Amino acid sequence: YEIVNSLVGSEMCIRDRFLLVANLASAKAYATLEFWFAMIKVVTIILMILLGFAVILFGFGNGGHPVGFSNLWSHGGFFTGGLKGFFFSMAIIVGSYEGIELIGISAGEVSDPHKAIVKSVKSVLWRILIFYVGAIFVIVTIYPWNKLDSIGSPFVTTFAKVGITAAASVINFVVLTAALSGANSGIYSSSRMLYKLAHEGEAPKTFGHVSKRIVPSHAIIGITSGIFVGFMLNVLAQFLNKSLANVFVIVYSSSVLPGMVAWFVILLAELRFRRKNPHLMENHPFKLPLYPYSNYFALIMLVVIVVFMFINPETQISVAVGAAVLIIAALIYVVKHQKDK
């Protein structure tokens, strides 16, 4: 009773139902929510970057003493942990950007995909440079890299440094919207993939149903139900045994390797498509630069990252679980299609 009561009254259940209703309403409702969720993150990061540069260049919030850029090369300089540490961190970066291929999935639900998709892809580079590289640059410039563990959240500390006393509450709100954004986009992309699988005979046909609002309603309900079941299992595991509290972290991080499969497939598919259809590429308005070398470079880097994930003790369990999931899924696929033959 205690477990069920905690689940029914939990904030996560409320958020789950909220996102379910939004995704069932229409693709426009999903896009509107995602716009505002993203806007909150974007405004917060831009504000942090601007305040960070004020601290670095003018000493704002630091007694008028500019921090400068010396922290970038002090305390051991670049790559103090060697290249191994760099490649270990790449697993986290890859996990952060998995799902970027959603741009392609949305092509079927925008009014002018030729313009919208091209514009979105081009803007991705600038978003990475500003919101990811820019934020990291400011953080490691203000705070020595070997003291980041002791300061807590760099975002909270940066806002607090310039006198924003409610910094912790602001960041907690932003983290909440970021979680909602991730779940919202996850429901959207997963439901569309499940809908596609249903039409190809790889999933139950009921998931191929489209509602009057032109959304794959059964697939959306199925994916949202899966999220809720996963949440219940996580709570149950923690209730029965506190040592199982990190089950969610293991399950989440184990998705990094399966998530990379989509990137492998996209890179290989483009190589094959352009090789077999050179006539379609003659006047194509949006070709990948440095093809095919860019494809081969990306494939090699993905393989290197996977190898280092197996080497890193902190990711060995996760990548092993991810590999097991891929192997089981591949075996099910082979057995199913052997029967069809």
Protein backbone atom coordinates (compact mmCIF):
# COMPACT_ATOMS: atom_id res chain seq x y z
CA TYR A 1 0.00 0.00 0.00
CA GLU A 2 2.83 2.36 0.90
CA ILE A 3 4.49 1.87 -2.50
CA VAL A 4 1.26 2.29 -4.48
CA ASN A 5 0.34 5.38 -2.49
CA SER A 6 3.72 6.95 -3.16
CA LEU A 7 3.38 6.20 -6.87
CA VAL A 8 -0.15 7.57 -7.27
CA GLY A 9 0.69 10.78 -5.47
CA SER A 10 4.12 11.27 -6.98
CA GLU A 11 5.09 14.26 -9.08
CA MET A 12 6.54 11.97 -11.72
CA CYS A 13 3.14 10.35 -12.29
CA ILE A 14 1.63 13.80 -12.75
CA ARG A 15 4.34 14.77 -15.24
CA ASP A 16 3.88 11.45 -17.05
CA ARG A 17 0.13 12.05 -17.47
CA PHE A 18 0.72 15.67 -18.49
CA LEU A 19 3.15 14.71 -21.26
CA LEU A 20 0.85 11.88 -22.36
CA VAL A 21 -2.08 14.28 -22.85
CA ALA A 22 0.13 16.81 -24.63
CA ASN A 23 1.47 14.24 -27.10
CA LEU A 24 -2.01 12.81 -27.72
CA ALA A 25 -3.39 16.27 -28.46
CA SER A 26 -1.33 16.95 -31.59
CA ALA A 27 2.18 17.26 -32.95
CA LYS A 28 1.76 21.03 -32.57
CA ALA A 29 1.12 20.64 -28.83
CA TYR A 30 4.33 18.63 -28.50
CA ALA A 31 6.25 21.26 -30.46
CA THR A 32 4.82 24.12 -28.35
CA LEU A 33 5.81 22.41 -25.12
CA GLU A 34 9.26 21.60 -26.45
CA PHE A 35 9.70 25.21 -27.56
CA TRP A 36 9.04 26.57 -24.06
CA PHE A 37 11.04 23.86 -22.31
CA ALA A 38 13.97 24.58 -24.61
CA MET A 39 13.52 28.35 -24.21
CA ILE A 40 13.93 28.08 -20.44
CA LYS A 41 17.15 26.08 -20.84
CA VAL A 42 18.49 28.40 -23.53
CA VAL A 43 17.81 31.61 -21.60
CA THR A 44 19.41 30.18 -18.45
CA ILE A 45 22.56 29.02 -20.25
CA ILE A 46 22.95 32.29 -22.18
CA LEU A 47 22.51 34.27 -18.96
CA MET A 48 25.10 32.08 -17.22
CA ILE A 49 27.56 32.56 -20.10
CA LEU A 50 27.10 36.36 -20.07
CA LEU A 51 27.47 36.56 -16.30
CA GLY A 52 30.47 34.24 -16.53
CA PHE A 53 32.23 36.53 -18.99
CA ALA A 54 31.45 39.47 -16.71
CA VAL A 55 33.27 37.63 -13.91
CA ILE A 56 36.15 36.64 -16.21
CA LEU A 57 36.72 40.03 -17.85
CA PHE A 58 35.51 42.59 -15.28
CA GLY A 59 35.57 40.75 -11.94
CA PHE A 60 31.82 41.17 -11.51
CA GLY A 61 30.91 39.41 -8.25
CA ASN A 62 34.61 38.79 -7.53
CA GLY A 63 35.44 42.04 -5.75
CA GLY A 64 36.21 43.77 -9.04
CA HIS A 65 39.16 41.46 -9.73
CA PRO A 66 38.91 39.82 -13.18
CA VAL A 67 39.40 36.05 -13.02
CA GLY A 68 41.11 36.01 -16.41
CA PHE A 69 41.82 32.92 -18.47
CA SER A 70 44.75 31.42 -16.54
CA ASN A 71 42.66 28.56 -15.13
CA LEU A 72 42.53 27.10 -18.64
CA TRP A 73 46.22 26.20 -18.64
CA SER A 74 47.08 26.26 -14.93
CA HIS A 75 46.85 23.27 -12.56
CA GLY A 76 48.56 20.88 -14.95
CA GLY A 77 47.50 22.37 -18.27
CA PHE A 78 45.55 20.59 -20.97
CA PHE A 79 44.97 16.80 -20.95
CA THR A 80 46.39 16.40 -17.45
CA GLY A 81 44.78 12.96 -17.31
CA GLY A 82 46.09 12.00 -20.74
CA LEU A 83 44.11 11.13 -23.85
CA LYS A 84 42.50 8.23 -22.00
CA GLY A 85 40.54 10.65 -19.82
CA PHE A 86 39.45 12.56 -22.91
CA PHE A 87 38.03 9.44 -24.57
CA PHE A 88 36.41 8.30 -21.31
CA SER A 89 34.51 11.60 -21.23
CA MET A 90 33.37 11.15 -24.83
CA ALA A 91 30.94 8.42 -23.70
CA ILE A 92 29.11 11.00 -21.56
CA ILE A 93 29.11 13.52 -24.41
CA VAL A 94 27.73 10.96 -26.87
CA GLY A 95 24.98 10.06 -24.41
CA SER A 96 24.09 13.75 -24.07
CA TYR A 97 23.61 14.18 -27.81
CA GLU A 98 21.87 10.92 -28.64
CA GLY A 99 18.51 11.77 -30.10
CA ILE A 100 19.84 14.55 -32.30
CA GLU A 101 18.70 12.41 -35.23
CA LEU A 102 15.12 13.31 -34.24
CA ILE A 103 15.46 16.12 -36.76
CA GLY A 104 15.07 13.54 -39.52
CA ILE A 105 12.11 11.81 -37.85
CA SER A 106 10.20 15.09 -37.72
CA ALA A 107 10.43 15.52 -41.51
CA GLY A 108 7.08 13.82 -42.02
CA GLU A 109 5.23 16.23 -39.73
CA VAL A 110 6.46 19.66 -40.85
CA SER A 111 4.85 21.72 -43.59
CA ASP A 112 8.06 22.41 -45.55
CA PRO A 113 10.70 19.77 -44.67
CA HIS A 114 13.14 20.94 -47.36
CA LYS A 115 13.57 24.28 -45.60
CA ALA A 116 12.81 23.29 -42.00
CA ILE A 117 15.18 20.31 -41.82
CA VAL A 118 18.04 22.10 -43.55
CA LYS A 119 17.66 25.09 -41.25
CA SER A 120 17.54 22.86 -38.17
CA VAL A 121 20.62 20.86 -39.14
CA LYS A 122 22.64 24.02 -39.82
CA SER A 123 21.64 25.53 -36.50
CA VAL A 124 22.75 22.43 -34.55
CA LEU A 125 26.44 23.30 -34.94
CA TRP A 126 25.93 26.79 -33.52
CA ARG A 127 23.82 25.46 -30.68
CA ILE A 128 26.56 23.01 -29.71
CA LEU A 129 29.22 25.73 -29.86
CA ILE A 130 27.20 28.21 -27.80
CA PHE A 131 25.27 26.10 -25.30
CA TYR A 132 27.70 23.22 -24.75
CA VAL A 133 31.19 24.43 -25.58
CA GLY A 134 30.41 27.99 -24.44
CA ALA A 135 29.05 26.91 -21.06
CA ILE A 136 31.94 24.49 -20.44
CA PHE A 137 34.45 27.18 -21.46
CA VAL A 138 33.04 29.65 -18.95
CA ILE A 139 32.91 27.08 -16.14
CA VAL A 140 36.51 25.84 -16.52
CA THR A 141 37.75 29.42 -16.95
CA ILE A 142 36.19 30.64 -13.71
CA TYR A 143 36.80 27.53 -11.60
CA PRO A 144 39.99 25.41 -11.59
CA TRP A 145 39.16 22.01 -13.06
CA ASN A 146 40.56 20.18 -10.03
CA LYS A 147 38.19 22.03 -7.66
CA LEU A 148 34.93 21.52 -9.53
CA ASP A 149 33.95 18.56 -7.33
CA SER A 150 34.06 20.72 -4.20
CA ILE A 151 32.00 23.67 -5.44
CA GLY A 152 28.81 21.76 -6.24
CA SER A 153 26.84 22.93 -9.26
CA PRO A 154 28.91 25.44 -11.29
CA PHE A 155 25.67 27.00 -12.56
CA VAL A 156 24.37 27.60 -9.03
CA THR A 157 27.76 28.90 -7.87
CA THR A 158 28.07 31.27 -10.84
CA PHE A 159 24.63 32.79 -10.27
CA ALA A 160 25.26 33.00 -6.51
CA LYS A 161 28.64 34.69 -7.13
CA VAL A 162 26.94 37.65 -8.85
CA GLY A 163 24.34 38.03 -6.11
CA ILE A 164 21.39 35.92 -7.31
CA THR A 165 20.43 34.45 -3.92
CA ALA A 166 17.72 32.18 -5.33
CA ALA A 167 20.25 30.49 -7.65
CA ALA A 168 19.61 26.96 -6.32
CA SER A 169 15.84 27.30 -6.80
CA VAL A 170 16.30 28.72 -10.31
CA ILE A 171 18.57 25.86 -11.37
CA ASN A 172 16.26 23.25 -9.82
CA PHE A 173 13.42 24.69 -11.90
CA VAL A 174 15.55 24.58 -15.03
CA VAL A 175 16.58 20.99 -14.29
CA LEU A 176 12.90 20.08 -13.94
CA THR A 177 12.05 21.62 -17.32
CA ALA A 178 15.08 19.89 -18.87
CA ALA A 179 13.79 16.55 -17.57
CA LEU A 180 10.36 17.31 -18.98
CA SER A 181 11.94 18.26 -22.30
CA GLY A 182 13.87 14.99 -22.44
CA ALA A 183 10.80 12.92 -21.62
CA ASN A 184 8.67 14.90 -24.06
CA SER A 185 11.04 14.40 -27.00
CA GLY A 186 11.57 10.77 -25.96
CA ILE A 187 7.83 10.05 -26.11
CA TYR A 188 7.59 11.77 -29.48
CA SER A 189 10.49 9.97 -31.14
CA SER A 190 9.84 6.55 -29.59
CA SER A 191 6.16 6.58 -30.47
CA ARG A 192 6.94 7.41 -34.11
CA MET A 193 9.48 4.60 -34.29
CA LEU A 194 7.02 2.18 -32.68
CA TYR A 195 4.36 3.30 -35.19
CA LYS A 196 6.77 2.66 -38.06
CA LEU A 197 7.70 -0.78 -36.69
CA ALA A 198 4.01 -1.67 -36.42
CA HIS A 199 3.46 -0.88 -40.10
CA GLU A 200 6.50 -2.97 -41.04
CA GLY A 201 5.22 -5.95 -39.05
CA GLU A 202 7.96 -5.69 -36.41
CA ALA A 203 5.57 -4.62 -33.61
CA PRO A 204 1.90 -5.33 -32.75
CA LYS A 205 -0.43 -3.82 -35.36
CA THR A 206 -2.38 -1.86 -32.75
CA PHE A 207 0.57 0.53 -32.43
CA GLY A 208 0.00 1.56 -36.04
CA HIS A 209 -3.29 3.25 -35.19
CA VAL A 210 -3.61 6.99 -35.95
CA SER A 211 -6.16 9.09 -34.06
CA LYS A 212 -8.45 11.79 -35.43
CA ARG A 213 -5.83 14.33 -34.37
CA ILE A 214 -3.35 12.61 -36.73
CA VAL A 215 -1.05 11.25 -34.01
CA PRO A 216 -0.07 7.60 -33.35
CA SER A 217 -2.16 7.49 -30.16
CA HIS A 218 -1.74 3.79 -29.34
CA ALA A 219 2.03 4.03 -29.75
CA ILE A 220 2.14 7.13 -27.52
CA ILE A 221 0.11 5.37 -24.82
CA GLY A 222 2.35 2.31 -25.09
CA ILE A 223 5.57 4.31 -24.71
CA THR A 224 4.18 6.37 -21.81
CA SER A 225 3.01 3.18 -20.09
CA GLY A 226 6.54 1.81 -20.43
CA ILE A 227 7.93 4.95 -18.75
CA PHE A 228 5.48 4.51 -15.88
CA VAL A 229 6.32 0.82 -15.47
CA GLY A 230 10.02 1.66 -15.40
CA PHE A 231 9.38 4.28 -12.73
CA MET A 232 7.41 1.79 -10.61
CA LEU A 233 10.17 -0.81 -10.89
CA ASN A 234 12.75 1.77 -9.83
CA VAL A 235 10.71 2.76 -6.76
CA LEU A 236 10.04 -0.88 -5.91
CA ALA A 237 13.74 -1.75 -6.18
CA GLN A 238 14.68 1.09 -3.82
CA PHE A 239 11.91 0.12 -1.37
CA LEU A 240 12.98 -3.52 -1.23
CA ASN A 241 16.73 -2.95 -1.19
CA LYS A 242 18.50 0.40 -0.84
CA SER A 243 21.53 -1.03 -2.64
CA LEU A 244 19.42 -1.17 -5.82
CA ALA A 245 18.99 2.60 -5.83
CA ASN A 246 21.42 2.94 -8.75
CA VAL A 247 19.43 0.59 -11.01
CA PHE A 248 17.99 3.57 -12.90
CA VAL A 249 21.48 5.00 -13.51
CA ILE A 250 22.73 1.64 -14.84
CA VAL A 251 19.70 1.20 -17.11
CA TYR A 252 19.94 4.76 -18.41
CA SER A 253 23.68 4.65 -19.08
CA SER A 254 23.35 1.24 -20.73
CA SER A 255 21.27 2.93 -23.43
CA VAL A 256 24.32 4.81 -24.75
CA LEU A 257 25.58 1.92 -26.88
CA PRO A 258 22.16 1.01 -28.38
CA GLY A 259 21.60 4.71 -29.00
CA MET A 260 24.78 4.84 -31.07
CA VAL A 261 23.39 2.19 -33.41
CA ALA A 262 21.22 4.81 -35.11
CA TRP A 263 24.33 6.88 -35.87
CA PHE A 264 26.16 3.87 -37.30
CA VAL A 265 23.16 3.06 -39.49
CA ILE A 266 22.77 6.66 -40.72
CA LEU A 267 26.46 6.92 -41.65
CA LEU A 268 26.49 3.56 -43.43
CA ALA A 269 23.14 4.21 -45.12
CA GLU A 270 24.40 7.47 -46.61
CA LEU A 271 27.52 5.77 -47.94
CA ARG A 272 25.42 3.11 -49.63
CA PHE A 273 22.72 5.50 -50.87
CA ARG A 274 25.15 7.93 -52.50
CA ARG A 275 27.12 5.09 -54.04
CA LYS A 276 24.00 3.56 -55.62
CA ASN A 277 22.26 6.83 -56.57
CA PRO A 278 24.90 9.25 -57.87
CA HIS A 279 22.38 10.83 -60.25
CA LEU A 280 20.23 11.99 -57.32
CA MET A 281 23.18 13.78 -55.75
CA GLU A 282 24.20 15.88 -58.77
CA ASN A 283 21.90 18.79 -57.93
CA HIS A 284 21.26 17.98 -54.29
CA PRO A 285 21.07 21.27 -52.30
CA PHE A 286 22.34 19.90 -48.96
CA LYS A 287 25.29 17.53 -49.26
CA LEU A 288 27.45 16.40 -46.35
CA PRO A 289 30.84 18.21 -46.51
CA LEU A 290 34.00 16.14 -47.05
CA TYR A 291 32.01 13.05 -48.04
CA PRO A 292 32.95 10.17 -47.76
CA TYR A 293 35.88 10.95 -45.45
CA SER A 294 33.62 12.59 -42.86
CA ASN A 295 31.56 9.39 -42.69
CA TYR A 296 34.62 7.19 -42.21
CA PHE A 297 36.03 9.54 -39.56
CA ALA A 298 32.75 9.52 -37.63
CA LEU A 299 32.52 5.72 -37.83
CA ILE A 300 36.09 5.30 -36.56
CA MET A 301 35.49 7.72 -33.68
CA LEU A 302 32.31 5.88 -32.64
CA VAL A 303 34.21 2.58 -32.60
CA VAL A 304 37.01 4.15 -30.53
CA ILE A 305 34.49 5.50 -28.02
CA VAL A 306 32.87 2.06 -27.66
CA VAL A 307 36.29 0.46 -27.07
CA PHE A 308 37.10 2.98 -24.33
CA MET A 309 33.69 2.37 -22.76
CA PHE A 310 34.69 -1.28 -22.36
CA ILE A 311 38.05 -0.21 -20.89
CA ASN A 312 36.63 2.34 -18.42
CA PRO A 313 35.66 0.56 -15.13
CA GLU A 314 32.84 3.08 -14.58
CA THR A 315 31.10 2.23 -17.85
CA GLN A 316 31.91 -1.48 -18.23
CA ILE A 317 28.66 -2.69 -16.65
CA SER A 318 26.56 -0.20 -18.59
CA VAL A 319 28.10 -0.96 -21.97
CA ALA A 320 27.90 -4.70 -21.27
CA VAL A 321 24.17 -4.36 -20.53
CA GLY A 322 23.74 -2.29 -23.69
CA ALA A 323 25.59 -4.90 -25.74
CA ALA A 324 23.41 -7.66 -24.25
CA VAL A 325 20.27 -5.73 -25.23
CA LEU A 326 21.54 -5.39 -28.80
CA ILE A 327 22.45 -9.09 -29.02
CA ILE A 328 19.05 -10.20 -27.67
CA ALA A 329 17.22 -7.85 -30.05
CA ALA A 330 19.28 -9.12 -33.00
CA LEU A 331 18.60 -12.77 -32.09
CA ILE A 332 14.86 -12.13 -31.80
CA TYR A 333 14.91 -10.44 -35.21
CA VAL A 334 16.83 -13.33 -36.83
CA VAL A 335 14.58 -15.99 -35.27
CA LYS A 336 11.43 -14.12 -36.28
CA HIS A 337 12.50 -13.72 -39.89
CA GLN A 338 13.72 -17.31 -40.09
CA LYS A 339 10.19 -18.37 -39.23
CA ASP A 340 8.78 -16.03 -41.88
CA LYS A 341 10.91 -17.79 -44.50
